[in-house]
Amino acid sequence: MNINKIVDKAYEKMSLKELANAPADAISGISENDGKLLKEAFNVKTVSDLAKLKYVKWAQAICTLADGEE
C-alpha cells in the first residue's frame, strides 16, 4: 500500500502499526500546531487516538447514513 500521499515524508517508511502509534500530525495536512490543539481539545496524541475519537466516528456514521437517505 502506497501511503506516501497521506503521511508526512518523515513517516513514509513506517509500517502501518508504527504509523498507528505515530503522532496525529504524521498525517499530511495536520500541522504540528493542529496536533497540539487536538491534544488539548480531545487528548488525541496518536493517529490511532484520532481514528478512535468518538466525534470522528459519529461524523462518519452520519455521512454514511446520509448517503442512503431519500
PDB file of N, CA and C in Angstrom:
ATOM      1  N   MET A   1       0.842  -1.178   0.000  1.00  0.00           N
ATOM      2  CA  MET A   1       0.000   0.000   0.000  1.00  0.00           C
ATOM      3  C   MET A   1       0.886   1.239   0.000  1.00  0.00           C
ATOM      4  N   ASN A   2       0.654   2.137  -0.922  1.00  0.00           N
ATOM      5  CA  ASN A   2       1.433   3.369  -1.010  1.00  0.00           C
ATOM      6  C   ASN A   2       0.693   4.478  -0.263  1.00  0.00           C
ATOM      7  N   ILE A   3       1.228   4.839   0.888  1.00  0.00           N
ATOM      8  CA  ILE A   3       0.582   5.864   1.699  1.00  0.00           C
ATOM      9  C   ILE A   3       1.363   7.173   1.707  1.00  0.00           C
ATOM     10  N   ASN A   4       2.309   7.282   0.809  1.00  0.00           N
ATOM     11  CA  ASN A   4       3.183   8.458   0.783  1.00  0.00           C
ATOM     12  C   ASN A   4       2.420   9.770   0.666  1.00  0.00           C
ATOM     13  N   LYS A   5       1.241   9.758   0.071  1.00  0.00           N
ATOM     14  CA  LYS A   5       0.489  10.992  -0.101  1.00  0.00           C
ATOM     15  C   LYS A   5      -0.365  11.336   1.120  1.00  0.00           C
ATOM     16  N   ILE A   6      -0.474  10.423   2.072  1.00  0.00           N
ATOM     17  CA  ILE A   6      -1.326  10.704   3.224  1.00  0.00           C
ATOM     18  C   ILE A   6      -0.550  10.863   4.530  1.00  0.00           C
ATOM     19  N   VAL A   7       0.754  10.670   4.475  1.00  0.00           N
ATOM     20  CA  VAL A   7       1.585  10.913   5.660  1.00  0.00           C
ATOM     21  C   VAL A   7       2.743  11.830   5.284  1.00  0.00           C
ATOM     22  N   ASP A   8       3.260  12.519   6.280  1.00  0.00           N
ATOM     23  CA  ASP A   8       4.420  13.376   6.053  1.00  0.00           C
ATOM     24  C   ASP A   8       5.633  12.530   5.686  1.00  0.00           C
ATOM     25  N   LYS A   9       6.546  13.130   4.971  1.00  0.00           N
ATOM     26  CA  LYS A   9       7.725  12.434   4.439  1.00  0.00           C
ATOM     27  C   LYS A   9       8.484  11.648   5.515  1.00  0.00           C
ATOM     28  N   ALA A  10       8.605  12.181   6.700  1.00  0.00           N
ATOM     29  CA  ALA A  10       9.358  11.522   7.773  1.00  0.00           C
ATOM     30  C   ALA A  10       8.733  10.187   8.198  1.00  0.00           C
ATOM     31  N   TYR A  11       7.482   9.963   7.824  1.00  0.00           N
ATOM     32  CA  TYR A  11       6.769   8.760   8.261  1.00  0.00           C
ATOM     33  C   TYR A  11       6.520   7.763   7.125  1.00  0.00           C
ATOM     34  N   GLU A  12       6.966   8.074   5.923  1.00  0.00           N
ATOM     35  CA  GLU A  12       6.675   7.258   4.749  1.00  0.00           C
ATOM     36  C   GLU A  12       7.173   5.822   4.831  1.00  0.00           C
ATOM     37  N   LYS A  13       8.246   5.574   5.534  1.00  0.00           N
ATOM     38  CA  LYS A  13       8.831   4.233   5.561  1.00  0.00           C
ATOM     39  C   LYS A  13       8.341   3.402   6.746  1.00  0.00           C
ATOM     40  N   MET A  14       7.453   3.943   7.546  1.00  0.00           N
ATOM     41  CA  MET A  14       6.952   3.224   8.712  1.00  0.00           C
ATOM     42  C   MET A  14       5.920   2.177   8.319  1.00  0.00           C
ATOM     43  N   SER A  15       5.842   1.151   9.135  1.00  0.00           N
ATOM     44  CA  SER A  15       4.785   0.148   8.948  1.00  0.00           C
ATOM     45  C   SER A  15       3.462   0.750   9.407  1.00  0.00           C
ATOM     46  N   LEU A  16       2.367   0.110   9.062  1.00  0.00           N
ATOM     47  CA  LEU A  16       1.062   0.611   9.477  1.00  0.00           C
ATOM     48  C   LEU A  16       0.926   0.600  11.000  1.00  0.00           C
ATOM     49  N   LYS A  17       1.472  -0.407  11.648  1.00  0.00           N
ATOM     50  CA  LYS A  17       1.435  -0.457  13.114  1.00  0.00           C
ATOM     51  C   LYS A  17       2.217   0.705  13.713  1.00  0.00           C
ATOM     52  N   GLU A  18       3.358   1.009  13.124  1.00  0.00           N
ATOM     53  CA  GLU A  18       4.143   2.149  13.600  1.00  0.00           C
ATOM     54  C   GLU A  18       3.394   3.456  13.371  1.00  0.00           C
ATOM     55  N   LEU A  19       2.755   3.572  12.208  1.00  0.00           N
ATOM     56  CA  LEU A  19       2.001   4.781  11.900  1.00  0.00           C
ATOM     57  C   LEU A  19       0.834   4.979  12.859  1.00  0.00           C
ATOM     58  N   ALA A  20       0.182   3.899  13.246  1.00  0.00           N
ATOM     59  CA  ALA A  20      -0.938   3.999  14.183  1.00  0.00           C
ATOM     60  C   ALA A  20      -0.491   4.614  15.502  1.00  0.00           C
ATOM     61  N   ASN A  21       0.755   4.392  15.864  1.00  0.00           N
ATOM     62  CA  ASN A  21       1.297   4.921  17.114  1.00  0.00           C
ATOM     63  C   ASN A  21       2.067   6.229  16.930  1.00  0.00           C
ATOM     64  N   ALA A  22       2.139   6.697  15.694  1.00  0.00           N
ATOM     65  CA  ALA A  22       2.831   7.960  15.407  1.00  0.00           C
ATOM     66  C   ALA A  22       1.959   9.132  15.852  1.00  0.00           C
ATOM     67  N   PRO A  23       2.558  10.294  16.042  1.00  0.00           N
ATOM     68  CA  PRO A  23       1.760  11.469  16.411  1.00  0.00           C
ATOM     69  C   PRO A  23       0.703  11.769  15.351  1.00  0.00           C
ATOM     70  N   ALA A  24      -0.413  12.340  15.782  1.00  0.00           N
ATOM     71  CA  ALA A  24      -1.502  12.656  14.853  1.00  0.00           C
ATOM     72  C   ALA A  24      -1.021  13.542  13.714  1.00  0.00           C
ATOM     73  N   ASP A  25      -0.024  14.395  13.980  1.00  0.00           N
ATOM     74  CA  ASP A  25       0.458  15.275  12.917  1.00  0.00           C
ATOM     75  C   ASP A  25       1.338  14.563  11.893  1.00  0.00           C
ATOM     76  N   ALA A  26       1.461  13.254  12.002  1.00  0.00           N
ATOM     77  CA  ALA A  26       2.130  12.471  10.959  1.00  0.00           C
ATOM     78  C   ALA A  26       1.277  12.440   9.689  1.00  0.00           C
ATOM     79  N   ILE A  27      -0.012  12.662   9.849  1.00  0.00           N
ATOM     80  CA  ILE A  27      -0.922  12.677   8.707  1.00  0.00           C
ATOM     81  C   ILE A  27      -0.740  13.981   7.944  1.00  0.00           C
ATOM     82  N   SER A  28      -0.576  13.859   6.654  1.00  0.00           N
ATOM     83  CA  SER A  28      -0.402  15.025   5.800  1.00  0.00           C
ATOM     84  C   SER A  28      -1.604  15.949   5.954  1.00  0.00           C
ATOM     85  N   GLY A  29      -1.336  17.227   6.157  1.00  0.00           N
ATOM     86  CA  GLY A  29      -2.407  18.201   6.313  1.00  0.00           C
ATOM     87  C   GLY A  29      -2.701  18.554   7.762  1.00  0.00           C
ATOM     88  N   ILE A  30      -2.185  17.755   8.700  1.00  0.00           N
ATOM     89  CA  ILE A  30      -2.314  18.082  10.119  1.00  0.00           C
ATOM     90  C   ILE A  30      -0.971  18.647  10.565  1.00  0.00           C
ATOM     91  N   SER A  31      -0.972  19.926  10.877  1.00  0.00           N
ATOM     92  CA  SER A  31       0.278  20.581  11.263  1.00  0.00           C
ATOM     93  C   SER A  31       0.649  20.221  12.698  1.00  0.00           C
ATOM     94  N   GLU A  32       1.869  20.565  13.076  1.00  0.00           N
ATOM     95  CA  GLU A  32       2.306  20.326  14.447  1.00  0.00           C
ATOM     96  C   GLU A  32       1.400  21.096  15.416  1.00  0.00           C
ATOM     97  N   ASN A  33       1.032  22.308  15.035  1.00  0.00           N
ATOM     98  CA  ASN A  33       0.126  23.096  15.875  1.00  0.00           C
ATOM     99  C   ASN A  33      -1.253  22.443  15.957  1.00  0.00           C
ATOM    100  N   ASP A  34      -1.745  21.927  14.829  1.00  0.00           N
ATOM    101  CA  ASP A  34      -3.021  21.197  14.837  1.00  0.00           C
ATOM    102  C   ASP A  34      -2.940  20.014  15.794  1.00  0.00           C
ATOM    103  N   GLY A  35      -1.816  19.321  15.779  1.00  0.00           N
ATOM    104  CA  GLY A  35      -1.616  18.191  16.681  1.00  0.00           C
ATOM    105  C   GLY A  35      -1.694  18.614  18.138  1.00  0.00           C
ATOM    106  N   LYS A  36      -1.114  19.765  18.442  1.00  0.00           N
ATOM    107  CA  LYS A  36      -1.174  20.295  19.815  1.00  0.00           C
ATOM    108  C   LYS A  36      -2.611  20.626  20.190  1.00  0.00           C
ATOM    109  N   LEU A  37      -3.344  21.222  19.253  1.00  0.00           N
ATOM    110  CA  LEU A  37      -4.739  21.576  19.516  1.00  0.00           C
ATOM    111  C   LEU A  37      -5.602  20.335  19.696  1.00  0.00           C
ATOM    112  N   LEU A  38      -5.349  19.293  18.895  1.00  0.00           N
ATOM    113  CA  LEU A  38      -6.083  18.033  19.057  1.00  0.00           C
ATOM    114  C   LEU A  38      -5.828  17.431  20.436  1.00  0.00           C
ATOM    115  N   LYS A  39      -4.579  17.528  20.886  1.00  0.00           N
ATOM    116  CA  LYS A  39      -4.242  17.001  22.206  1.00  0.00           C
ATOM    117  C   LYS A  39      -4.953  17.796  23.295  1.00  0.00           C
ATOM    118  N   GLU A  40      -4.930  19.115  23.175  1.00  0.00           N
ATOM    119  CA  GLU A  40      -5.573  19.960  24.175  1.00  0.00           C
ATOM    120  C   GLU A  40      -7.091  19.743  24.216  1.00  0.00           C
ATOM    121  N   ALA A  41      -7.699  19.676  23.056  1.00  0.00           N
ATOM    122  CA  ALA A  41      -9.160  19.600  22.983  1.00  0.00           C
ATOM    123  C   ALA A  41      -9.709  18.205  23.259  1.00  0.00           C
ATOM    124  N   PHE A  42      -9.023  17.181  22.748  1.00  0.00           N
ATOM    125  CA  PHE A  42      -9.585  15.828  22.786  1.00  0.00           C
ATOM    126  C   PHE A  42      -8.639  14.774  23.346  1.00  0.00           C
ATOM    127  N   ASN A  43      -7.478  15.188  23.822  1.00  0.00           N
ATOM    128  CA  ASN A  43      -6.449  14.259  24.305  1.00  0.00           C
ATOM    129  C   ASN A  43      -6.009  13.271  23.218  1.00  0.00           C
ATOM    130  N   VAL A  44      -6.030  13.728  21.974  1.00  0.00           N
ATOM    131  CA  VAL A  44      -5.575  12.924  20.837  1.00  0.00           C
ATOM    132  C   VAL A  44      -4.076  13.116  20.703  1.00  0.00           C
ATOM    133  N   LYS A  45      -3.333  12.017  20.846  1.00  0.00           N
ATOM    134  CA  LYS A  45      -1.876  12.083  20.732  1.00  0.00           C
ATOM    135  C   LYS A  45      -1.371  11.352  19.494  1.00  0.00           C
ATOM    136  N   THR A  46      -2.054  10.296  19.102  1.00  0.00           N
ATOM    137  CA  THR A  46      -1.574   9.446  18.012  1.00  0.00           C
ATOM    138  C   THR A  46      -2.602   9.354  16.889  1.00  0.00           C
ATOM    139  N   VAL A  47      -2.161   8.796  15.773  1.00  0.00           N
ATOM    140  CA  VAL A  47      -3.065   8.525  14.653  1.00  0.00           C
ATOM    141  C   VAL A  47      -4.191   7.613  15.131  1.00  0.00           C
ATOM    142  N   SER A  48      -3.860   6.633  15.936  1.00  0.00           N
ATOM    143  CA  SER A  48      -4.861   5.711  16.475  1.00  0.00           C
ATOM    144  C   SER A  48      -5.879   6.439  17.342  1.00  0.00           C
ATOM    145  N   ASP A  49      -5.413   7.338  18.189  1.00  0.00           N
ATOM    146  CA  ASP A  49      -6.335   8.125  19.017  1.00  0.00           C
ATOM    147  C   ASP A  49      -7.308   8.905  18.148  1.00  0.00           C
ATOM    148  N   LEU A  50      -6.804   9.493  17.072  1.00  0.00           N
ATOM    149  CA  LEU A  50      -7.650  10.268  16.164  1.00  0.00           C
ATOM    150  C   LEU A  50      -8.701   9.371  15.522  1.00  0.00           C
ATOM    151  N   ALA A  51      -8.289   8.205  15.066  1.00  0.00           N
ATOM    152  CA  ALA A  51      -9.214   7.278  14.409  1.00  0.00           C
ATOM    153  C   ALA A  51     -10.293   6.780  15.366  1.00  0.00           C
ATOM    154  N   LYS A  52      -9.954   6.667  16.631  1.00  0.00           N
ATOM    155  CA  LYS A  52     -10.892   6.140  17.631  1.00  0.00           C
ATOM    156  C   LYS A  52     -11.735   7.234  18.293  1.00  0.00           C
ATOM    157  N   LEU A  53     -11.484   8.481  17.959  1.00  0.00           N
ATOM    158  CA  LEU A  53     -12.203   9.589  18.561  1.00  0.00           C
ATOM    159  C   LEU A  53     -13.695   9.472  18.251  1.00  0.00           C
ATOM    160  N   LYS A  54     -14.506   9.479  19.289  1.00  0.00           N
ATOM    161  CA  LYS A  54     -15.936   9.250  19.091  1.00  0.00           C
ATOM    162  C   LYS A  54     -16.567  10.278  18.162  1.00  0.00           C
ATOM    163  N   TYR A  55     -16.077  11.494  18.166  1.00  0.00           N
ATOM    164  CA  TYR A  55     -16.653  12.524  17.297  1.00  0.00           C
ATOM    165  C   TYR A  55     -16.366  12.236  15.823  1.00  0.00           C
ATOM    166  N   VAL A  56     -15.209  11.672  15.554  1.00  0.00           N
ATOM    167  CA  VAL A  56     -14.872  11.265  14.187  1.00  0.00           C
ATOM    168  C   VAL A  56     -15.797  10.127  13.757  1.00  0.00           C
ATOM    169  N   LYS A  57     -16.002   9.161  14.650  1.00  0.00           N
ATOM    170  CA  LYS A  57     -16.886   8.028  14.335  1.00  0.00           C
ATOM    171  C   LYS A  57     -18.318   8.495  14.116  1.00  0.00           C
ATOM    172  N   TRP A  58     -18.769   9.419  14.955  1.00  0.00           N
ATOM    173  CA  TRP A  58     -20.129   9.936  14.796  1.00  0.00           C
ATOM    174  C   TRP A  58     -20.293  10.653  13.460  1.00  0.00           C
ATOM    175  N   ALA A  59     -19.323  11.472  13.094  1.00  0.00           N
ATOM    176  CA  ALA A  59     -19.383  12.201  11.822  1.00  0.00           C
ATOM    177  C   ALA A  59     -19.390  11.229  10.640  1.00  0.00           C
ATOM    178  N   GLN A  60     -18.553  10.177  10.727  1.00  0.00           N
ATOM    179  CA  GLN A  60     -18.524   9.177   9.660  1.00  0.00           C
ATOM    180  C   GLN A  60     -19.860   8.455   9.559  1.00  0.00           C
ATOM    181  N   ALA A  61     -20.461   8.126  10.697  1.00  0.00           N
ATOM    182  CA  ALA A  61     -21.750   7.433  10.700  1.00  0.00           C
ATOM    183  C   ALA A  61     -22.837   8.302  10.081  1.00  0.00           C
ATOM    184  N   ILE A  62     -22.865   9.575  10.447  1.00  0.00           N
ATOM    185  CA  ILE A  62     -23.859  10.487   9.883  1.00  0.00           C
ATOM    186  C   ILE A  62     -23.718  10.561   8.367  1.00  0.00           C
ATOM    187  N   CYS A  63     -22.501  10.681   7.878  1.00  0.00           N
ATOM    188  CA  CYS A  63     -22.268  10.775   6.429  1.00  0.00           C
ATOM    189  C   CYS A  63     -22.636   9.475   5.712  1.00  0.00           C
ATOM    190  N   THR A  64     -22.314   8.349   6.327  1.00  0.00           N
ATOM    191  CA  THR A  64     -22.669   7.051   5.732  1.00  0.00           C
ATOM    192  C   THR A  64     -24.170   6.893   5.648  1.00  0.00           C
ATOM    193  N   LEU A  65     -24.857   7.216   6.721  1.00  0.00           N
ATOM    194  CA  LEU A  65     -26.330   7.117   6.734  1.00  0.00           C
ATOM    195  C   LEU A  65     -26.951   8.127   5.782  1.00  0.00           C
ATOM    196  N   ALA A  66     -26.380   9.314   5.680  1.00  0.00           N
ATOM    197  CA  ALA A  66     -26.919  10.344   4.781  1.00  0.00           C
ATOM    198  C   ALA A  66     -26.855   9.886   3.330  1.00  0.00           C
ATOM    199  N   ASP A  67     -25.852   9.109   2.979  1.00  0.00           N
ATOM    200  CA  ASP A  67     -25.726   8.602   1.614  1.00  0.00           C
ATOM    201  C   ASP A  67     -26.907   7.724   1.225  1.00  0.00           C
ATOM    202  N   GLY A  68     -27.505   7.051   2.204  1.00  0.00           N
ATOM    203  CA  GLY A  68     -28.626   6.162   1.928  1.00  0.00           C
ATOM    204  C   GLY A  68     -29.991   6.786   2.165  1.00  0.00           C
ATOM    205  N   GLU A  69     -29.981   8.032   2.613  1.00  0.00           N
ATOM    206  CA  GLU A  69     -31.247   8.707   2.904  1.00  0.00           C
ATOM    207  C   GLU A  69     -31.928   9.170   1.624  1.00  0.00           C
ATOM    208  N   GLU A  70     -33.246   9.072   1.603  1.00  0.00           N
ATOM    209  CA  GLU A  70     -34.005   9.508   0.419  1.00  0.00           C
ATOM    210  C   GLU A  70     -34.421  10.943   0.551  1.00  0.00           C
TER     211      GLU A  70
END
